Amino acid sequence: MVGEVAEQLARLAVTCTSPDGNISARIRAGQLEELALRPGAYGRYTEPDLAHQLARTATLLYIGHERETQRVIWDAGLDRPTDPAQARDGAEHRFLRALQTLSAVGSGPHEMVAFEISGMARWQCQIAPGTLRWLPESDFLSEVSAAATGLLRHSQFEKALLQNEHFGERHSLLVQERIRQRS
């Protein structure tokens, strides 16, 4: 049963479109798989407007992925509390509360695009001034993809640290050392 759920989650894909309809993105198994702009849209954006649309798109992807993950788990007759009030014990309650304050960042290789999350609920994107004039669209999309991938990796690592902290030493020595360094 658990193996089947893990396989379904590994295949889980969520696609969404930005609120303005110009950005489409697809996430599979928690990893950004596709990111595209509608033809002609890139040249019509300002950095703040595009950053806002990217942050909203990331939020929609995250919410969609969480809903679909929860659906797969429920369909299998399993339970995964997400609200601290539904926690089965003190460790799970503390873990779920800590998740609500988890922060992570990710930036592109040229640091022209950066994403930041706070509490897994507030997603922000920043694009350095002049980026849209300086980078061709394909390079910009690569920068955004790298920033999003970095953010996802960082958030997964931080979540692993929290799991280790609240549920015991289930992770590698490297992760355990990082926990000791945070303390």
C-alpha atoms as a PDB file:
ATOM      1  CA  MET A   1       0.000   0.000   0.000  1.00  0.00           C
ATOM      2  CA  VAL A   2       2.663   2.538   1.036  1.00  0.00           C
ATOM      3  CA  GLY A   3       4.768   1.602  -1.999  1.00  0.00           C
ATOM      4  CA  GLU A   4       1.813   2.256  -4.305  1.00  0.00           C
ATOM      5  CA  VAL A   5       1.208   5.633  -2.680  1.00  0.00           C
ATOM      6  CA  ALA A   6       4.883   6.519  -3.073  1.00  0.00           C
ATOM      7  CA  GLU A   7       4.703   5.598  -6.776  1.00  0.00           C
ATOM      8  CA  GLN A   8       1.580   7.722  -7.262  1.00  0.00           C
ATOM      9  CA  LEU A   9       3.215  10.664  -5.511  1.00  0.00           C
ATOM     10  CA  ALA A  10       6.318  10.284  -7.685  1.00  0.00           C
ATOM     11  CA  ARG A  11       4.103  10.556 -10.783  1.00  0.00           C
ATOM     12  CA  LEU A  12       1.950  13.366  -9.391  1.00  0.00           C
ATOM     13  CA  ALA A  13       1.920  16.358 -11.712  1.00  0.00           C
ATOM     14  CA  VAL A  14       0.177  19.688 -11.266  1.00  0.00           C
ATOM     15  CA  THR A  15      -0.117  22.371 -13.933  1.00  0.00           C
ATOM     16  CA  CYS A  16      -1.330  25.902 -13.418  1.00  0.00           C
ATOM     17  CA  THR A  17      -1.550  29.241 -15.138  1.00  0.00           C
ATOM     18  CA  SER A  18      -0.726  32.607 -13.629  1.00  0.00           C
ATOM     19  CA  PRO A  19      -3.624  34.866 -12.642  1.00  0.00           C
ATOM     20  CA  ASP A  20      -2.994  37.031 -15.717  1.00  0.00           C
ATOM     21  CA  GLY A  21      -2.931  33.953 -17.991  1.00  0.00           C
ATOM     22  CA  ASN A  22       0.577  34.607 -19.368  1.00  0.00           C
ATOM     23  CA  ILE A  23       2.628  32.068 -17.405  1.00  0.00           C
ATOM     24  CA  SER A  24       2.161  28.321 -17.351  1.00  0.00           C
ATOM     25  CA  ALA A  25       4.056  26.002 -15.046  1.00  0.00           C
ATOM     26  CA  ARG A  26       4.100  22.313 -14.232  1.00  0.00           C
ATOM     27  CA  ILE A  27       5.445  20.611 -11.145  1.00  0.00           C
ATOM     28  CA  ARG A  28       5.978  16.852 -10.883  1.00  0.00           C
ATOM     29  CA  ALA A  29       6.834  15.099  -7.633  1.00  0.00           C
ATOM     30  CA  GLY A  30       7.710  18.433  -6.043  1.00  0.00           C
ATOM     31  CA  GLN A  31      10.101  19.508  -8.822  1.00  0.00           C
ATOM     32  CA  LEU A  32       9.546  22.226 -11.418  1.00  0.00           C
ATOM     33  CA  GLU A  33       9.231  20.419 -14.735  1.00  0.00           C
ATOM     34  CA  GLU A  34       8.042  23.129 -17.090  1.00  0.00           C
ATOM     35  CA  LEU A  35       7.820  26.911 -17.170  1.00  0.00           C
ATOM     36  CA  ALA A  36       6.677  28.965 -20.156  1.00  0.00           C
ATOM     37  CA  LEU A  37       5.467  32.427 -21.049  1.00  0.00           C
ATOM     38  CA  ARG A  38       2.786  33.143 -23.600  1.00  0.00           C
ATOM     39  CA  PRO A  39       4.313  34.442 -26.855  1.00  0.00           C
ATOM     40  CA  GLY A  40       4.911  38.189 -26.638  1.00  0.00           C
ATOM     41  CA  ALA A  41       4.239  38.408 -22.890  1.00  0.00           C
ATOM     42  CA  TYR A  42       7.869  38.782 -21.793  1.00  0.00           C
ATOM     43  CA  GLY A  43       8.317  42.174 -23.426  1.00  0.00           C
ATOM     44  CA  ARG A  44       5.124  43.571 -21.868  1.00  0.00           C
ATOM     45  CA  TYR A  45       6.121  42.975 -18.234  1.00  0.00           C
ATOM     46  CA  THR A  46       7.971  45.188 -15.789  1.00  0.00           C
ATOM     47  CA  GLU A  47      10.154  43.426 -13.213  1.00  0.00           C
ATOM     48  CA  PRO A  48       7.725  44.056 -10.304  1.00  0.00           C
ATOM     49  CA  ASP A  49       4.696  42.894 -12.317  1.00  0.00           C
ATOM     50  CA  LEU A  50       6.397  39.720 -13.541  1.00  0.00           C
ATOM     51  CA  ALA A  51       7.752  38.992 -10.059  1.00  0.00           C
ATOM     52  CA  HIS A  52       4.230  39.298  -8.664  1.00  0.00           C
ATOM     53  CA  GLN A  53       2.825  36.929 -11.303  1.00  0.00           C
ATOM     54  CA  LEU A  54       5.625  34.400 -10.708  1.00  0.00           C
ATOM     55  CA  ALA A  55       5.020  34.489  -6.946  1.00  0.00           C
ATOM     56  CA  ARG A  56       1.279  33.971  -7.457  1.00  0.00           C
ATOM     57  CA  THR A  57       1.957  31.124  -9.901  1.00  0.00           C
ATOM     58  CA  ALA A  58       4.312  29.462  -7.403  1.00  0.00           C
ATOM     59  CA  THR A  59       1.648  29.773  -4.715  1.00  0.00           C
ATOM     60  CA  LEU A  60      -0.963  28.175  -6.984  1.00  0.00           C
ATOM     61  CA  LEU A  61       1.426  25.329  -7.851  1.00  0.00           C
ATOM     62  CA  TYR A  62       2.193  24.689  -4.198  1.00  0.00           C
ATOM     63  CA  ILE A  63      -1.473  24.686  -3.180  1.00  0.00           C
ATOM     64  CA  GLY A  64      -2.391  22.422  -6.103  1.00  0.00           C
ATOM     65  CA  HIS A  65       0.445  20.025  -5.327  1.00  0.00           C
ATOM     66  CA  GLU A  66      -0.500  19.870  -1.639  1.00  0.00           C
ATOM     67  CA  ARG A  67      -4.168  19.214  -2.484  1.00  0.00           C
ATOM     68  CA  GLU A  68      -3.308  16.453  -4.939  1.00  0.00           C
ATOM     69  CA  THR A  69      -0.835  14.903  -2.492  1.00  0.00           C
ATOM     70  CA  GLN A  70      -3.490  14.910   0.200  1.00  0.00           C
ATOM     71  CA  ARG A  71      -6.021  13.387  -2.223  1.00  0.00           C
ATOM     72  CA  VAL A  72      -3.672  10.499  -3.090  1.00  0.00           C
ATOM     73  CA  ILE A  73      -3.062   9.841   0.597  1.00  0.00           C
ATOM     74  CA  TRP A  74      -6.763   9.983   1.503  1.00  0.00           C
ATOM     75  CA  ASP A  75      -7.741   7.785  -1.464  1.00  0.00           C
ATOM     76  CA  ALA A  76      -5.358   5.156  -0.100  1.00  0.00           C
ATOM     77  CA  GLY A  77      -7.100   5.296   3.268  1.00  0.00           C
ATOM     78  CA  LEU A  78      -4.121   6.927   4.941  1.00  0.00           C
ATOM     79  CA  ASP A  79      -3.951  10.070   7.005  1.00  0.00           C
ATOM     80  CA  ARG A  80      -1.475  12.958   6.908  1.00  0.00           C
ATOM     81  CA  PRO A  81      -2.450  15.796   9.207  1.00  0.00           C
ATOM     82  CA  THR A  82      -1.497  19.245   7.995  1.00  0.00           C
ATOM     83  CA  ASP A  83      -3.107  21.273  10.776  1.00  0.00           C
ATOM     84  CA  PRO A  84      -1.445  21.201  14.219  1.00  0.00           C
ATOM     85  CA  ALA A  85      -4.916  20.857  15.775  1.00  0.00           C
ATOM     86  CA  GLN A  86      -5.238  17.464  14.013  1.00  0.00           C
ATOM     87  CA  ALA A  87      -1.875  16.178  15.256  1.00  0.00           C
ATOM     88  CA  ARG A  88      -1.838  12.699  16.761  1.00  0.00           C
ATOM     89  CA  ASP A  89       0.810  13.480  19.378  1.00  0.00           C
ATOM     90  CA  GLY A  90       2.990  16.232  20.784  1.00  0.00           C
ATOM     91  CA  ALA A  91       5.901  15.653  18.395  1.00  0.00           C
ATOM     92  CA  GLU A  92       3.626  15.869  15.363  1.00  0.00           C
ATOM     93  CA  HIS A  93       1.952  18.991  16.766  1.00  0.00           C
ATOM     94  CA  ARG A  94       5.322  20.710  17.269  1.00  0.00           C
ATOM     95  CA  PHE A  95       6.464  19.621  13.792  1.00  0.00           C
ATOM     96  CA  LEU A  96       3.324  20.975  12.095  1.00  0.00           C
ATOM     97  CA  ARG A  97       3.635  24.251  14.014  1.00  0.00           C
ATOM     98  CA  ALA A  98       7.280  24.553  12.972  1.00  0.00           C
ATOM     99  CA  LEU A  99       6.292  23.940   9.328  1.00  0.00           C
ATOM    100  CA  GLN A 100       4.072  27.005   9.547  1.00  0.00           C
ATOM    101  CA  THR A 101       7.158  29.143  10.141  1.00  0.00           C
ATOM    102  CA  LEU A 102       9.563  27.374   7.773  1.00  0.00           C
ATOM    103  CA  SER A 103      11.459  29.767   5.537  1.00  0.00           C
ATOM    104  CA  ALA A 104      13.519  29.008   2.454  1.00  0.00           C
ATOM    105  CA  VAL A 105      15.139  30.897  -0.408  1.00  0.00           C
ATOM    106  CA  GLY A 106      16.385  30.093  -3.868  1.00  0.00           C
ATOM    107  CA  SER A 107      18.088  32.214  -6.485  1.00  0.00           C
ATOM    108  CA  GLY A 108      19.223  31.776 -10.044  1.00  0.00           C
ATOM    109  CA  PRO A 109      22.895  31.314 -10.926  1.00  0.00           C
ATOM    110  CA  HIS A 110      23.257  35.014 -11.784  1.00  0.00           C
ATOM    111  CA  GLU A 111      21.172  36.070  -8.755  1.00  0.00           C
ATOM    112  CA  MET A 112      18.867  38.077 -10.972  1.00  0.00           C
ATOM    113  CA  VAL A 113      15.777  36.156  -9.811  1.00  0.00           C
ATOM    114  CA  ALA A 114      15.091  34.990  -6.276  1.00  0.00           C
ATOM    115  CA  PHE A 115      12.188  33.248  -4.563  1.00  0.00           C
ATOM    116  CA  GLU A 116      11.472  33.267  -0.851  1.00  0.00           C
ATOM    117  CA  ILE A 117       8.832  31.464   1.146  1.00  0.00           C
ATOM    118  CA  SER A 118       7.739  32.092   4.667  1.00  0.00           C
ATOM    119  CA  GLY A 119       5.584  29.591   6.453  1.00  0.00           C
ATOM    120  CA  MET A 120       4.946  27.792   3.151  1.00  0.00           C
ATOM    121  CA  ALA A 121       2.107  30.268   2.698  1.00  0.00           C
ATOM    122  CA  ARG A 122       3.736  33.529   1.596  1.00  0.00           C
ATOM    123  CA  TRP A 123       5.663  33.217  -1.645  1.00  0.00           C
ATOM    124  CA  GLN A 124       7.687  36.145  -2.906  1.00  0.00           C
ATOM    125  CA  CYS A 125       9.721  36.661  -6.037  1.00  0.00           C
ATOM    126  CA  GLN A 126      12.223  39.381  -6.748  1.00  0.00           C
ATOM    127  CA  ILE A 127      13.687  40.242 -10.118  1.00  0.00           C
ATOM    128  CA  ALA A 128      16.700  42.536 -10.212  1.00  0.00           C
ATOM    129  CA  PRO A 129      16.083  45.868 -11.964  1.00  0.00           C
ATOM    130  CA  GLY A 130      17.068  45.768 -15.635  1.00  0.00           C
ATOM    131  CA  THR A 131      16.877  41.974 -15.860  1.00  0.00           C
ATOM    132  CA  LEU A 132      14.105  41.942 -18.452  1.00  0.00           C
ATOM    133  CA  ARG A 133      16.075  44.289 -20.716  1.00  0.00           C
ATOM    134  CA  TRP A 134      19.335  42.455 -20.199  1.00  0.00           C
ATOM    135  CA  LEU A 135      18.285  38.780 -20.407  1.00  0.00           C
ATOM    136  CA  PRO A 136      16.634  37.184 -23.430  1.00  0.00           C
ATOM    137  CA  GLU A 137      13.428  35.331 -22.527  1.00  0.00           C
ATOM    138  CA  SER A 138      14.978  31.841 -22.706  1.00  0.00           C
ATOM    139  CA  ASP A 139      17.815  32.859 -20.359  1.00  0.00           C
ATOM    140  CA  PHE A 140      15.329  34.506 -18.024  1.00  0.00           C
ATOM    141  CA  LEU A 141      13.225  31.330 -17.877  1.00  0.00           C
ATOM    142  CA  SER A 142      16.386  29.330 -17.099  1.00  0.00           C
ATOM    143  CA  GLU A 143      17.194  31.774 -14.295  1.00  0.00           C
ATOM    144  CA  VAL A 144      13.652  31.468 -12.893  1.00  0.00           C
ATOM    145  CA  SER A 145      13.755  27.664 -13.134  1.00  0.00           C
ATOM    146  CA  ALA A 146      17.079  27.542 -11.302  1.00  0.00           C
ATOM    147  CA  ALA A 147      15.755  29.874  -8.585  1.00  0.00           C
ATOM    148  CA  ALA A 148      12.603  27.766  -8.167  1.00  0.00           C
ATOM    149  CA  THR A 149      14.625  24.540  -8.061  1.00  0.00           C
ATOM    150  CA  GLY A 150      16.934  26.046  -5.455  1.00  0.00           C
ATOM    151  CA  LEU A 151      13.961  27.121  -3.364  1.00  0.00           C
ATOM    152  CA  LEU A 152      12.380  23.663  -3.557  1.00  0.00           C
ATOM    153  CA  ARG A 153      15.644  21.978  -2.551  1.00  0.00           C
ATOM    154  CA  HIS A 154      16.166  24.394   0.320  1.00  0.00           C
ATOM    155  CA  SER A 155      12.605  23.949   1.587  1.00  0.00           C
ATOM    156  CA  GLN A 156      12.865  20.135   1.352  1.00  0.00           C
ATOM    157  CA  PHE A 157      16.139  20.239   3.279  1.00  0.00           C
ATOM    158  CA  GLU A 158      14.649  22.504   5.954  1.00  0.00           C
ATOM    159  CA  LYS A 159      11.632  20.197   6.215  1.00  0.00           C
ATOM    160  CA  ALA A 160      13.982  17.212   6.627  1.00  0.00           C
ATOM    161  CA  LEU A 161      15.771  19.091   9.410  1.00  0.00           C
ATOM    162  CA  LEU A 162      12.444  19.702  11.138  1.00  0.00           C
ATOM    163  CA  GLN A 163      11.434  16.044  10.765  1.00  0.00           C
ATOM    164  CA  ASN A 164      14.723  14.976  12.279  1.00  0.00           C
ATOM    165  CA  GLU A 165      14.410  17.486  15.080  1.00  0.00           C
ATOM    166  CA  HIS A 166      10.871  16.440  16.021  1.00  0.00           C
ATOM    167  CA  PHE A 167      10.798  12.733  15.205  1.00  0.00           C
ATOM    168  CA  GLY A 168      14.336  11.570  15.892  1.00  0.00           C
ATOM    169  CA  GLU A 169      17.496  10.753  14.016  1.00  0.00           C
ATOM    170  CA  ARG A 170      16.067   9.393  10.754  1.00  0.00           C
ATOM    171  CA  HIS A 171      18.379  11.317   8.466  1.00  0.00           C
ATOM    172  CA  SER A 172      21.978  11.200   7.344  1.00  0.00           C
ATOM    173  CA  LEU A 173      24.856  12.351   9.499  1.00  0.00           C
ATOM    174  CA  LEU A 174      25.146  15.478   7.320  1.00  0.00           C
ATOM    175  CA  VAL A 175      21.555  16.454   8.138  1.00  0.00           C
ATOM    176  CA  GLN A 176      22.068  15.671  11.805  1.00  0.00           C
ATOM    177  CA  GLU A 177      25.191  17.872  11.847  1.00  0.00           C
ATOM    178  CA  ARG A 178      23.239  20.721  10.243  1.00  0.00           C
ATOM    179  CA  ILE A 179      20.643  20.423  13.019  1.00  0.00           C
ATOM    180  CA  ARG A 180      23.353  20.659  15.640  1.00  0.00           C
ATOM    181  CA  GLN A 181      24.705  23.765  13.906  1.00  0.00           C
ATOM    182  CA  ARG A 182      21.246  25.397  13.922  1.00  0.00           C
ATOM    183  CA  SER A 183      20.835  24.813  17.669  1.00  0.00           C
END
